[in-house]
């Protein structure tokens, strides 16, 4: 009995080791999943905005601004009268083929020749989407913006300052909600197309820009004032009294419209004014008419093509 070595039972030791190994594995997996979620949401989230397949030219604007008429002229080279629709229109706008070498020489001789219709090859095409301007469809608009590479804001240059209709104020609100949404983050360029310029009472693109910048300034300032603490005092111009002026920005609209992801901001400069020059992506303005009639007026849809083909 004294020479016998007692048998050591390793069952509990092995069982405890397996348990600890399993717990360690579970904790490791949980941590790895947490890190992966963090990376996918906050690191690759911004990259995903750019990698998303953006390929459309999106027409947006208020009801009655002339979006569908412009759409028809771009797609079919036809002037049509349109009514308010609740469904988007989608088609391909295609340039005519490049002129022959002889035609190019003849056009060069004429000082009134129009610019080349194709910048980098014949039959240049672009998918264009005409989105309705009804307020009830604003939530659906975000999905259309996520596909857009470029955005055209169509403005009725006749009623832009008409108090009886939706004018600069309503348009400023639309621009604010669209430009500061996460869906818009990734759009490369914007064109503000001032339509109906063939009418005598229409405002020029330069005038429309000034009206919109002034209205957006009021909108952003008012919105910022609403977010001030109760002990902040604003003067009649809604400027904080006693606070040093500095460049500030107000983010997007409601949380539901902004979604997750990075957003642009509409910033006021040191003088407290908004200008499209300070926006992170290029915003161009152009005089446009969907009623093409060279005998009556010089306006047409050529600026939209210049915008699409990168000549603007």
C-alpha atoms as a PDB file:
ATOM      1  CA  UNK A   1       0.000   0.000   0.000  1.00  0.00           C
ATOM      2  CA  UNK A   2       2.790   2.389   0.795  1.00  0.00           C
ATOM      3  CA  UNK A   3       4.406   1.869  -2.617  1.00  0.00           C
ATOM      4  CA  UNK A   4       1.337   2.693  -4.589  1.00  0.00           C
ATOM      5  CA  UNK A   5       1.079   6.123  -6.186  1.00  0.00           C
ATOM      6  CA  UNK A   6      -2.390   7.589  -5.820  1.00  0.00           C
ATOM      7  CA  UNK A   7      -4.152   8.202  -9.118  1.00  0.00           C
ATOM      8  CA  UNK A   8      -4.777  11.876  -9.854  1.00  0.00           C
ATOM      9  CA  UNK A   9      -8.136  12.563 -11.383  1.00  0.00           C
ATOM     10  CA  UNK A  10      -7.826  15.249 -14.113  1.00  0.00           C
ATOM     11  CA  UNK A  11     -11.468  15.333 -15.069  1.00  0.00           C
ATOM     12  CA  UNK A  12     -12.267  18.525 -13.201  1.00  0.00           C
ATOM     13  CA  UNK A  13      -9.066  20.188 -14.380  1.00  0.00           C
ATOM     14  CA  UNK A  14      -9.779  19.385 -18.012  1.00  0.00           C
ATOM     15  CA  UNK A  15     -13.409  20.434 -17.637  1.00  0.00           C
ATOM     16  CA  UNK A  16     -12.431  23.758 -16.105  1.00  0.00           C
ATOM     17  CA  UNK A  17      -9.919  24.392 -18.874  1.00  0.00           C
ATOM     18  CA  UNK A  18     -12.496  23.741 -21.566  1.00  0.00           C
ATOM     19  CA  UNK A  19     -14.960  26.053 -19.850  1.00  0.00           C
ATOM     20  CA  UNK A  20     -12.407  28.837 -19.609  1.00  0.00           C
ATOM     21  CA  UNK A  21     -11.457  28.287 -23.263  1.00  0.00           C
ATOM     22  CA  UNK A  22     -15.095  28.504 -24.361  1.00  0.00           C
ATOM     23  CA  UNK A  23     -15.676  31.659 -22.325  1.00  0.00           C
ATOM     24  CA  UNK A  24     -12.543  33.221 -23.781  1.00  0.00           C
ATOM     25  CA  UNK A  25     -13.688  32.321 -27.296  1.00  0.00           C
ATOM     26  CA  UNK A  26     -17.161  33.770 -26.753  1.00  0.00           C
ATOM     27  CA  UNK A  27     -15.775  37.017 -25.340  1.00  0.00           C
ATOM     28  CA  UNK A  28     -13.313  37.257 -28.242  1.00  0.00           C
ATOM     29  CA  UNK A  29     -16.096  36.790 -30.787  1.00  0.00           C
ATOM     30  CA  UNK A  30     -18.267  39.415 -29.084  1.00  0.00           C
ATOM     31  CA  UNK A  31     -15.414  41.925 -29.047  1.00  0.00           C
ATOM     32  CA  UNK A  32     -14.601  41.171 -32.693  1.00  0.00           C
ATOM     33  CA  UNK A  33     -18.236  41.686 -33.705  1.00  0.00           C
ATOM     34  CA  UNK A  34     -18.360  44.964 -31.794  1.00  0.00           C
ATOM     35  CA  UNK A  35     -15.172  46.210 -33.485  1.00  0.00           C
ATOM     36  CA  UNK A  36     -16.438  45.111 -36.899  1.00  0.00           C
ATOM     37  CA  UNK A  37     -19.720  46.950 -36.340  1.00  0.00           C
ATOM     38  CA  UNK A  38     -17.861  50.064 -35.251  1.00  0.00           C
ATOM     39  CA  UNK A  39     -15.585  49.985 -38.303  1.00  0.00           C
ATOM     40  CA  UNK A  40     -18.407  49.313 -40.759  1.00  0.00           C
ATOM     41  CA  UNK A  41     -20.554  52.103 -39.352  1.00  0.00           C
ATOM     42  CA  UNK A  42     -18.107  54.877 -38.587  1.00  0.00           C
ATOM     43  CA  UNK A  43     -15.098  54.173 -40.789  1.00  0.00           C
ATOM     44  CA  UNK A  44     -16.534  52.629 -43.926  1.00  0.00           C
ATOM     45  CA  UNK A  45     -19.803  54.526 -43.592  1.00  0.00           C
ATOM     46  CA  UNK A  46     -18.396  57.599 -45.297  1.00  0.00           C
ATOM     47  CA  UNK A  47     -16.675  55.471 -47.937  1.00  0.00           C
ATOM     48  CA  UNK A  48     -19.931  53.674 -48.611  1.00  0.00           C
ATOM     49  CA  UNK A  49     -21.572  56.941 -49.508  1.00  0.00           C
ATOM     50  CA  UNK A  50     -19.077  57.438 -52.306  1.00  0.00           C
ATOM     51  CA  UNK A  51     -18.947  53.803 -53.399  1.00  0.00           C
ATOM     52  CA  UNK A  52     -22.725  53.690 -53.768  1.00  0.00           C
ATOM     53  CA  UNK A  53     -23.611  53.479 -57.444  1.00  0.00           C
ATOM     54  CA  UNK A  54     -24.511  57.063 -58.293  1.00  0.00           C
ATOM     55  CA  UNK A  55     -25.318  57.464 -61.976  1.00  0.00           C
ATOM     56  CA  UNK A  56     -28.393  59.649 -62.457  1.00  0.00           C
ATOM     57  CA  UNK A  57     -29.086  63.296 -63.169  1.00  0.00           C
ATOM     58  CA  UNK A  58     -31.866  64.181 -60.735  1.00  0.00           C
ATOM     59  CA  UNK A  59     -34.296  67.042 -61.382  1.00  0.00           C
ATOM     60  CA  UNK A  60     -35.867  68.436 -58.210  1.00  0.00           C
ATOM     61  CA  UNK A  61     -37.853  71.549 -57.399  1.00  0.00           C
ATOM     62  CA  UNK A  62     -41.198  72.896 -56.259  1.00  0.00           C
ATOM     63  CA  UNK A  63     -44.504  72.023 -57.892  1.00  0.00           C
ATOM     64  CA  UNK A  64     -45.003  73.868 -61.168  1.00  0.00           C
ATOM     65  CA  UNK A  65     -41.363  74.852 -61.543  1.00  0.00           C
ATOM     66  CA  UNK A  66     -41.080  73.273 -64.994  1.00  0.00           C
ATOM     67  CA  UNK A  67     -39.238  70.042 -64.162  1.00  0.00           C
ATOM     68  CA  UNK A  68     -41.276  67.783 -66.448  1.00  0.00           C
ATOM     69  CA  UNK A  69     -41.191  70.275 -69.322  1.00  0.00           C
ATOM     70  CA  UNK A  70     -37.407  70.452 -69.003  1.00  0.00           C
ATOM     71  CA  UNK A  71     -37.273  66.654 -68.748  1.00  0.00           C
ATOM     72  CA  UNK A  72     -39.219  66.272 -72.020  1.00  0.00           C
ATOM     73  CA  UNK A  73     -36.973  68.742 -73.812  1.00  0.00           C
ATOM     74  CA  UNK A  74     -33.826  66.949 -72.641  1.00  0.00           C
ATOM     75  CA  UNK A  75     -35.092  63.468 -73.460  1.00  0.00           C
ATOM     76  CA  UNK A  76     -37.254  63.959 -76.569  1.00  0.00           C
ATOM     77  CA  UNK A  77     -36.416  67.512 -77.705  1.00  0.00           C
ATOM     78  CA  UNK A  78     -40.122  68.329 -77.423  1.00  0.00           C
ATOM     79  CA  UNK A  79     -42.000  71.100 -75.676  1.00  0.00           C
ATOM     80  CA  UNK A  80     -44.885  69.662 -73.676  1.00  0.00           C
ATOM     81  CA  UNK A  81     -47.321  71.067 -71.147  1.00  0.00           C
ATOM     82  CA  UNK A  82     -47.327  69.045 -67.940  1.00  0.00           C
ATOM     83  CA  UNK A  83     -49.471  68.708 -64.846  1.00  0.00           C
ATOM     84  CA  UNK A  84     -48.478  67.920 -61.284  1.00  0.00           C
ATOM     85  CA  UNK A  85     -47.582  64.238 -61.029  1.00  0.00           C
ATOM     86  CA  UNK A  86     -47.097  61.911 -58.077  1.00  0.00           C
ATOM     87  CA  UNK A  87     -44.774  59.533 -59.932  1.00  0.00           C
ATOM     88  CA  UNK A  88     -41.155  60.129 -61.014  1.00  0.00           C
ATOM     89  CA  UNK A  89     -40.268  60.100 -64.703  1.00  0.00           C
ATOM     90  CA  UNK A  90     -37.138  58.241 -65.752  1.00  0.00           C
ATOM     91  CA  UNK A  91     -35.467  58.095 -69.176  1.00  0.00           C
ATOM     92  CA  UNK A  92     -32.156  58.451 -71.007  1.00  0.00           C
ATOM     93  CA  UNK A  93     -31.156  61.769 -72.536  1.00  0.00           C
ATOM     94  CA  UNK A  94     -28.841  61.286 -75.526  1.00  0.00           C
ATOM     95  CA  UNK A  95     -26.828  63.742 -77.570  1.00  0.00           C
ATOM     96  CA  UNK A  96     -26.841  63.643 -81.345  1.00  0.00           C
ATOM     97  CA  UNK A  97     -23.707  62.299 -83.045  1.00  0.00           C
ATOM     98  CA  UNK A  98     -20.664  64.453 -83.565  1.00  0.00           C
ATOM     99  CA  UNK A  99     -20.802  66.542 -86.752  1.00  0.00           C
ATOM    100  CA  UNK A 100     -18.576  65.574 -89.654  1.00  0.00           C
ATOM    101  CA  UNK A 101     -15.213  67.270 -90.220  1.00  0.00           C
ATOM    102  CA  UNK A 102     -16.728  69.409 -92.976  1.00  0.00           C
ATOM    103  CA  UNK A 103     -19.613  70.482 -90.754  1.00  0.00           C
ATOM    104  CA  UNK A 104     -17.186  71.352 -87.954  1.00  0.00           C
ATOM    105  CA  UNK A 105     -15.271  73.694 -90.287  1.00  0.00           C
ATOM    106  CA  UNK A 106     -18.495  75.352 -91.412  1.00  0.00           C
ATOM    107  CA  UNK A 107     -19.554  75.847 -87.795  1.00  0.00           C
ATOM    108  CA  UNK A 108     -16.174  77.337 -86.907  1.00  0.00           C
ATOM    109  CA  UNK A 109     -16.624  79.957 -89.639  1.00  0.00           C
ATOM    110  CA  UNK A 110     -19.917  81.088 -88.171  1.00  0.00           C
ATOM    111  CA  UNK A 111     -19.780  83.250 -85.061  1.00  0.00           C
ATOM    112  CA  UNK A 112     -23.296  82.139 -84.176  1.00  0.00           C
ATOM    113  CA  UNK A 113     -22.559  78.407 -84.210  1.00  0.00           C
ATOM    114  CA  UNK A 114     -23.640  76.521 -81.114  1.00  0.00           C
ATOM    115  CA  UNK A 115     -21.075  74.673 -78.959  1.00  0.00           C
ATOM    116  CA  UNK A 116     -20.339  71.020 -79.650  1.00  0.00           C
ATOM    117  CA  UNK A 117     -23.120  68.855 -78.362  1.00  0.00           C
ATOM    118  CA  UNK A 118     -20.851  65.986 -77.357  1.00  0.00           C
ATOM    119  CA  UNK A 119     -17.742  66.544 -75.281  1.00  0.00           C
ATOM    120  CA  UNK A 120     -16.148  63.108 -75.285  1.00  0.00           C
ATOM    121  CA  UNK A 121     -17.579  60.927 -78.023  1.00  0.00           C
ATOM    122  CA  UNK A 122     -20.736  60.482 -80.062  1.00  0.00           C
ATOM    123  CA  UNK A 123     -24.081  59.557 -78.592  1.00  0.00           C
ATOM    124  CA  UNK A 124     -23.203  60.707 -75.071  1.00  0.00           C
ATOM    125  CA  UNK A 125     -26.060  59.708 -72.792  1.00  0.00           C
ATOM    126  CA  UNK A 126     -27.229  60.286 -69.250  1.00  0.00           C
ATOM    127  CA  UNK A 127     -29.983  58.728 -67.137  1.00  0.00           C
ATOM    128  CA  UNK A 128     -32.251  61.547 -65.979  1.00  0.00           C
ATOM    129  CA  UNK A 129     -34.934  61.360 -63.289  1.00  0.00           C
ATOM    130  CA  UNK A 130     -37.708  63.934 -62.954  1.00  0.00           C
ATOM    131  CA  UNK A 131     -38.903  63.784 -59.345  1.00  0.00           C
ATOM    132  CA  UNK A 132     -42.283  65.335 -58.411  1.00  0.00           C
ATOM    133  CA  UNK A 133     -42.210  68.423 -56.236  1.00  0.00           C
ATOM    134  CA  UNK A 134     -45.133  67.555 -53.980  1.00  0.00           C
ATOM    135  CA  UNK A 135     -44.356  67.859 -50.271  1.00  0.00           C
ATOM    136  CA  UNK A 136     -45.911  64.473 -49.529  1.00  0.00           C
ATOM    137  CA  UNK A 137     -43.133  62.802 -51.514  1.00  0.00           C
ATOM    138  CA  UNK A 138     -40.213  64.385 -49.642  1.00  0.00           C
ATOM    139  CA  UNK A 139     -39.364  61.145 -47.812  1.00  0.00           C
ATOM    140  CA  UNK A 140     -39.249  59.227 -51.103  1.00  0.00           C
ATOM    141  CA  UNK A 141     -36.995  61.928 -52.522  1.00  0.00           C
ATOM    142  CA  UNK A 142     -34.118  60.760 -50.323  1.00  0.00           C
ATOM    143  CA  UNK A 143     -33.995  57.397 -52.096  1.00  0.00           C
ATOM    144  CA  UNK A 144     -33.784  59.156 -55.462  1.00  0.00           C
ATOM    145  CA  UNK A 145     -31.000  61.410 -54.186  1.00  0.00           C
ATOM    146  CA  UNK A 146     -28.955  58.364 -53.147  1.00  0.00           C
ATOM    147  CA  UNK A 147     -28.732  57.363 -56.836  1.00  0.00           C
ATOM    148  CA  UNK A 148     -27.873  60.844 -58.091  1.00  0.00           C
ATOM    149  CA  UNK A 149     -24.424  61.772 -59.312  1.00  0.00           C
ATOM    150  CA  UNK A 150     -25.569  65.312 -60.158  1.00  0.00           C
ATOM    151  CA  UNK A 151     -28.617  67.307 -59.081  1.00  0.00           C
ATOM    152  CA  UNK A 152     -30.483  69.995 -61.015  1.00  0.00           C
ATOM    153  CA  UNK A 153     -32.631  72.287 -58.880  1.00  0.00           C
ATOM    154  CA  UNK A 154     -35.304  73.600 -61.240  1.00  0.00           C
ATOM    155  CA  UNK A 155     -36.510  77.094 -60.334  1.00  0.00           C
ATOM    156  CA  UNK A 156     -39.499  78.934 -61.766  1.00  0.00           C
ATOM    157  CA  UNK A 157     -37.798  82.235 -62.579  1.00  0.00           C
ATOM    158  CA  UNK A 158     -41.194  83.921 -62.983  1.00  0.00           C
ATOM    159  CA  UNK A 159     -42.770  83.121 -59.596  1.00  0.00           C
ATOM    160  CA  UNK A 160     -39.589  83.034 -57.498  1.00  0.00           C
ATOM    161  CA  UNK A 161     -40.657  86.209 -55.693  1.00  0.00           C
ATOM    162  CA  UNK A 162     -44.439  85.829 -55.962  1.00  0.00           C
ATOM    163  CA  UNK A 163     -46.024  85.821 -52.490  1.00  0.00           C
ATOM    164  CA  UNK A 164     -49.152  84.147 -53.845  1.00  0.00           C
ATOM    165  CA  UNK A 165     -47.198  81.030 -54.800  1.00  0.00           C
ATOM    166  CA  UNK A 166     -44.367  78.977 -53.351  1.00  0.00           C
ATOM    167  CA  UNK A 167     -41.355  81.128 -54.048  1.00  0.00           C
ATOM    168  CA  UNK A 168     -37.894  81.745 -52.634  1.00  0.00           C
ATOM    169  CA  UNK A 169     -38.806  80.858 -49.059  1.00  0.00           C
ATOM    170  CA  UNK A 170     -40.236  77.427 -49.910  1.00  0.00           C
ATOM    171  CA  UNK A 171     -37.344  76.757 -52.279  1.00  0.00           C
ATOM    172  CA  UNK A 172     -34.803  77.704 -49.598  1.00  0.00           C
ATOM    173  CA  UNK A 173     -36.415  75.200 -47.233  1.00  0.00           C
ATOM    174  CA  UNK A 174     -36.236  72.493 -49.907  1.00  0.00           C
ATOM    175  CA  UNK A 175     -32.577  73.228 -50.649  1.00  0.00           C
ATOM    176  CA  UNK A 176     -31.747  73.202 -46.944  1.00  0.00           C
ATOM    177  CA  UNK A 177     -33.428  69.841 -46.306  1.00  0.00           C
ATOM    178  CA  UNK A 178     -31.870  68.229 -49.403  1.00  0.00           C
ATOM    179  CA  UNK A 179     -28.347  69.641 -49.138  1.00  0.00           C
ATOM    180  CA  UNK A 180     -28.001  68.716 -45.448  1.00  0.00           C
ATOM    181  CA  UNK A 181     -29.347  65.163 -45.778  1.00  0.00           C
ATOM    182  CA  UNK A 182     -26.975  62.198 -45.623  1.00  0.00           C
ATOM    183  CA  UNK A 183     -28.475  60.957 -48.910  1.00  0.00           C
ATOM    184  CA  UNK A 184     -27.072  64.059 -50.615  1.00  0.00           C
ATOM    185  CA  UNK A 185     -23.555  63.407 -49.284  1.00  0.00           C
ATOM    186  CA  UNK A 186     -21.827  61.992 -52.351  1.00  0.00           C
ATOM    187  CA  UNK A 187     -23.525  64.138 -54.993  1.00  0.00           C
ATOM    188  CA  UNK A 188     -20.729  65.647 -57.059  1.00  0.00           C
ATOM    189  CA  UNK A 189     -22.245  68.818 -58.522  1.00  0.00           C
ATOM    190  CA  UNK A 190     -25.391  70.940 -58.496  1.00  0.00           C
ATOM    191  CA  UNK A 191     -26.998  73.122 -61.150  1.00  0.00           C
ATOM    192  CA  UNK A 192     -29.713  75.629 -60.314  1.00  0.00           C
ATOM    193  CA  UNK A 193     -31.634  75.876 -63.594  1.00  0.00           C
ATOM    194  CA  UNK A 194     -33.684  79.071 -63.739  1.00  0.00           C
ATOM    195  CA  UNK A 195     -36.418  78.092 -66.180  1.00  0.00           C
ATOM    196  CA  UNK A 196     -39.019  80.073 -68.144  1.00  0.00           C
ATOM    197  CA  UNK A 197     -36.427  82.711 -68.990  1.00  0.00           C
ATOM    198  CA  UNK A 198     -38.218  83.247 -72.298  1.00  0.00           C
ATOM    199  CA  UNK A 199     -40.941  85.121 -70.383  1.00  0.00           C
ATOM    200  CA  UNK A 200     -40.476  88.864 -69.945  1.00  0.00           C
ATOM    201  CA  UNK A 201     -41.278  88.850 -66.217  1.00  0.00           C
ATOM    202  CA  UNK A 202     -38.698  86.185 -65.361  1.00  0.00           C
ATOM    203  CA  UNK A 203     -35.713  86.831 -63.110  1.00  0.00           C
ATOM    204  CA  UNK A 204     -32.160  86.228 -64.306  1.00  0.00           C
ATOM    205  CA  UNK A 205     -29.992  83.494 -62.805  1.00  0.00           C
ATOM    206  CA  UNK A 206     -27.916  86.157 -61.064  1.00  0.00           C
ATOM    207  CA  UNK A 207     -31.006  87.651 -59.433  1.00  0.00           C
ATOM    208  CA  UNK A 208     -32.333  84.219 -58.437  1.00  0.00           C
ATOM    209  CA  UNK A 209     -29.036  83.418 -56.765  1.00  0.00           C
ATOM    210  CA  UNK A 210     -29.169  86.598 -54.672  1.00  0.00           C
ATOM    211  CA  UNK A 211     -32.772  85.886 -53.657  1.00  0.00           C
ATOM    212  CA  UNK A 212     -31.958  82.323 -52.613  1.00  0.00           C
ATOM    213  CA  UNK A 213     -28.816  83.263 -50.698  1.00  0.00           C
ATOM    214  CA  UNK A 214     -30.738  85.926 -48.775  1.00  0.00           C
ATOM    215  CA  UNK A 215     -33.591  83.526 -48.017  1.00  0.00           C
ATOM    216  CA  UNK A 216     -31.258  80.718 -46.927  1.00  0.00           C
ATOM    217  CA  UNK A 217     -29.437  83.206 -44.686  1.00  0.00           C
ATOM    218  CA  UNK A 218     -32.736  84.065 -42.972  1.00  0.00           C
ATOM    219  CA  UNK A 219     -33.683  80.408 -42.710  1.00  0.00           C
ATOM    220  CA  UNK A 220     -30.366  79.289 -41.200  1.00  0.00           C
ATOM    221  CA  UNK A 221     -30.219  82.274 -38.832  1.00  0.00           C
ATOM    222  CA  UNK A 222     -33.768  81.663 -37.648  1.00  0.00           C
ATOM    223  CA  UNK A 223     -33.062  77.978 -37.188  1.00  0.00           C
ATOM    224  CA  UNK A 224     -29.903  78.711 -35.242  1.00  0.00           C
ATOM    225  CA  UNK A 225     -31.817  81.202 -33.101  1.00  0.00           C
ATOM    226  CA  UNK A 226     -34.365  78.516 -32.246  1.00  0.00           C
ATOM    227  CA  UNK A 227     -31.523  76.320 -30.978  1.00  0.00           C
ATOM    228  CA  UNK A 228     -30.051  79.007 -28.698  1.00  0.00           C
ATOM    229  CA  UNK A 229     -30.283  78.542 -24.937  1.00  0.00           C
ATOM    230  CA  UNK A 230     -32.917  80.523 -23.075  1.00  0.00           C
ATOM    231  CA  UNK A 231     -30.387  82.937 -21.586  1.00  0.00           C
ATOM    232  CA  UNK A 232     -29.132  84.003 -25.042  1.00  0.00           C
ATOM    233  CA  UNK A 233     -30.336  87.401 -26.228  1.00  0.00           C
ATOM    234  CA  UNK A 234     -30.744  88.136 -29.937  1.00  0.00           C
ATOM    235  CA  UNK A 235     -31.060  91.597 -31.409  1.00  0.00           C
ATOM    236  CA  UNK A 236     -33.533  92.636 -34.120  1.00  0.00           C
ATOM    237  CA  UNK A 237     -31.275  91.122 -36.783  1.00  0.00           C
ATOM    238  CA  UNK A 238     -31.278  87.825 -34.842  1.00  0.00           C
ATOM    239  CA  UNK A 239     -27.561  88.185 -34.109  1.00  0.00           C
ATOM    240  CA  UNK A 240     -26.332  87.130 -30.674  1.00  0.00           C
ATOM    241  CA  UNK A 241     -25.639  90.274 -28.656  1.00  0.00           C
ATOM    242  CA  UNK A 242     -22.184  90.349 -27.091  1.00  0.00           C
ATOM    243  CA  UNK A 243     -20.973  87.173 -28.767  1.00  0.00           C
ATOM    244  CA  UNK A 244     -17.989  87.346 -31.060  1.00  0.00           C
ATOM    245  CA  UNK A 245     -19.012  86.749 -34.654  1.00  0.00           C
ATOM    246  CA  UNK A 246     -17.641  83.553 -36.082  1.00  0.00           C
ATOM    247  CA  UNK A 247     -18.318  81.113 -38.822  1.00  0.00           C
ATOM    248  CA  UNK A 248     -21.070  78.726 -37.772  1.00  0.00           C
ATOM    249  CA  UNK A 249     -23.189  76.098 -39.378  1.00  0.00           C
ATOM    250  CA  UNK A 250     -26.516  74.465 -38.779  1.00  0.00           C
ATOM    251  CA  UNK A 251     -26.978  70.830 -39.595  1.00  0.00           C
ATOM    252  CA  UNK A 252     -29.744  69.114 -41.489  1.00  0.00           C
ATOM    253  CA  UNK A 253     -33.423  68.755 -40.900  1.00  0.00           C
ATOM    254  CA  UNK A 254     -35.204  66.194 -38.772  1.00  0.00           C
ATOM    255  CA  UNK A 255     -33.417  63.101 -37.601  1.00  0.00           C
ATOM    256  CA  UNK A 256     -35.599  60.928 -39.810  1.00  0.00           C
ATOM    257  CA  UNK A 257     -34.617  62.828 -42.939  1.00  0.00           C
ATOM    258  CA  UNK A 258     -30.910  62.916 -42.132  1.00  0.00           C
ATOM    259  CA  UNK A 259     -30.531  59.156 -41.533  1.00  0.00           C
ATOM    260  CA  UNK A 260     -27.144  57.792 -40.510  1.00  0.00           C
ATOM    261  CA  UNK A 261     -23.963  59.009 -42.111  1.00  0.00           C
ATOM    262  CA  UNK A 262     -22.023  62.194 -42.830  1.00  0.00           C
ATOM    263  CA  UNK A 263     -23.790  65.339 -44.002  1.00  0.00           C
ATOM    264  CA  UNK A 264     -22.924  68.709 -45.485  1.00  0.00           C
ATOM    265  CA  UNK A 265     -23.713  71.924 -43.659  1.00  0.00           C
ATOM    266  CA  UNK A 266     -25.011  75.260 -44.851  1.00  0.00           C
ATOM    267  CA  UNK A 267     -22.621  77.721 -43.228  1.00  0.00           C
ATOM    268  CA  UNK A 268     -22.819  81.454 -42.707  1.00  0.00           C
ATOM    269  CA  UNK A 269     -19.658  83.473 -43.179  1.00  0.00           C
ATOM    270  CA  UNK A 270     -18.182  85.925 -40.688  1.00  0.00           C
ATOM    271  CA  UNK A 271     -20.614  88.604 -41.807  1.00  0.00           C
ATOM    272  CA  UNK A 272     -23.531  86.295 -41.028  1.00  0.00           C
ATOM    273  CA  UNK A 273     -24.501  85.656 -44.654  1.00  0.00           C
ATOM    274  CA  UNK A 274     -24.840  82.500 -46.700  1.00  0.00           C
ATOM    275  CA  UNK A 275     -23.220  82.146 -50.100  1.00  0.00           C
ATOM    276  CA  UNK A 276     -23.146  79.151 -52.427  1.00  0.00           C
ATOM    277  CA  UNK A 277     -19.427  79.805 -52.924  1.00  0.00           C
ATOM    278  CA  UNK A 278     -18.783  78.366 -49.453  1.00  0.00           C
ATOM    279  CA  UNK A 279     -20.701  75.142 -50.068  1.00  0.00           C
ATOM    280  CA  UNK A 280     -18.402  72.069 -50.181  1.00  0.00           C
ATOM    281  CA  UNK A 281     -19.421  71.041 -53.723  1.00  0.00           C
ATOM    282  CA  UNK A 282     -19.806  73.246 -56.842  1.00  0.00           C
ATOM    283  CA  UNK A 283     -23.196  74.926 -57.293  1.00  0.00           C
ATOM    284  CA  UNK A 284     -23.768  76.519 -60.709  1.00  0.00           C
ATOM    285  CA  UNK A 285     -26.577  78.817 -61.869  1.00  0.00           C
ATOM    286  CA  UNK A 286     -27.884  79.059 -65.429  1.00  0.00           C
ATOM    287  CA  UNK A 287     -30.644  80.726 -67.465  1.00  0.00           C
ATOM    288  CA  UNK A 288     -32.769  78.033 -69.121  1.00  0.00           C
ATOM    289  CA  UNK A 289     -35.885  77.789 -71.260  1.00  0.00           C
ATOM    290  CA  UNK A 290     -37.643  74.580 -72.253  1.00  0.00           C
ATOM    291  CA  UNK A 291     -39.444  76.492 -74.999  1.00  0.00           C
ATOM    292  CA  UNK A 292     -36.681  76.522 -77.596  1.00  0.00           C
ATOM    293  CA  UNK A 293     -37.396  79.230 -80.178  1.00  0.00           C
ATOM    294  CA  UNK A 294     -34.259  81.012 -81.485  1.00  0.00           C
ATOM    295  CA  UNK A 295     -36.405  83.462 -83.466  1.00  0.00           C
ATOM    296  CA  UNK A 296     -37.997  84.809 -80.268  1.00  0.00           C
ATOM    297  CA  UNK A 297     -35.338  84.503 -77.571  1.00  0.00           C
ATOM    298  CA  UNK A 298     -31.794  83.178 -76.979  1.00  0.00           C
ATOM    299  CA  UNK A 299     -32.602  80.772 -74.136  1.00  0.00           C
ATOM    300  CA  UNK A 300     -32.617  76.958 -74.378  1.00  0.00           C
ATOM    301  CA  UNK A 301     -31.572  73.814 -72.479  1.00  0.00           C
ATOM    302  CA  UNK A 302     -27.959  73.926 -73.664  1.00  0.00           C
ATOM    303  CA  UNK A 303     -26.670  74.995 -70.211  1.00  0.00           C
ATOM    304  CA  UNK A 304     -27.979  71.729 -68.770  1.00  0.00           C
ATOM    305  CA  UNK A 305     -25.969  69.769 -71.325  1.00  0.00           C
ATOM    306  CA  UNK A 306     -22.928  71.925 -70.588  1.00  0.00           C
ATOM    307  CA  UNK A 307     -23.390  70.984 -66.943  1.00  0.00           C
ATOM    308  CA  UNK A 308     -23.793  67.259 -67.673  1.00  0.00           C
ATOM    309  CA  UNK A 309     -20.777  67.151 -69.989  1.00  0.00           C
ATOM    310  CA  UNK A 310     -18.495  69.025 -67.616  1.00  0.00           C
ATOM    311  CA  UNK A 311     -18.210  72.304 -69.523  1.00  0.00           C
ATOM    312  CA  UNK A 312     -19.548  74.303 -66.588  1.00  0.00           C
END
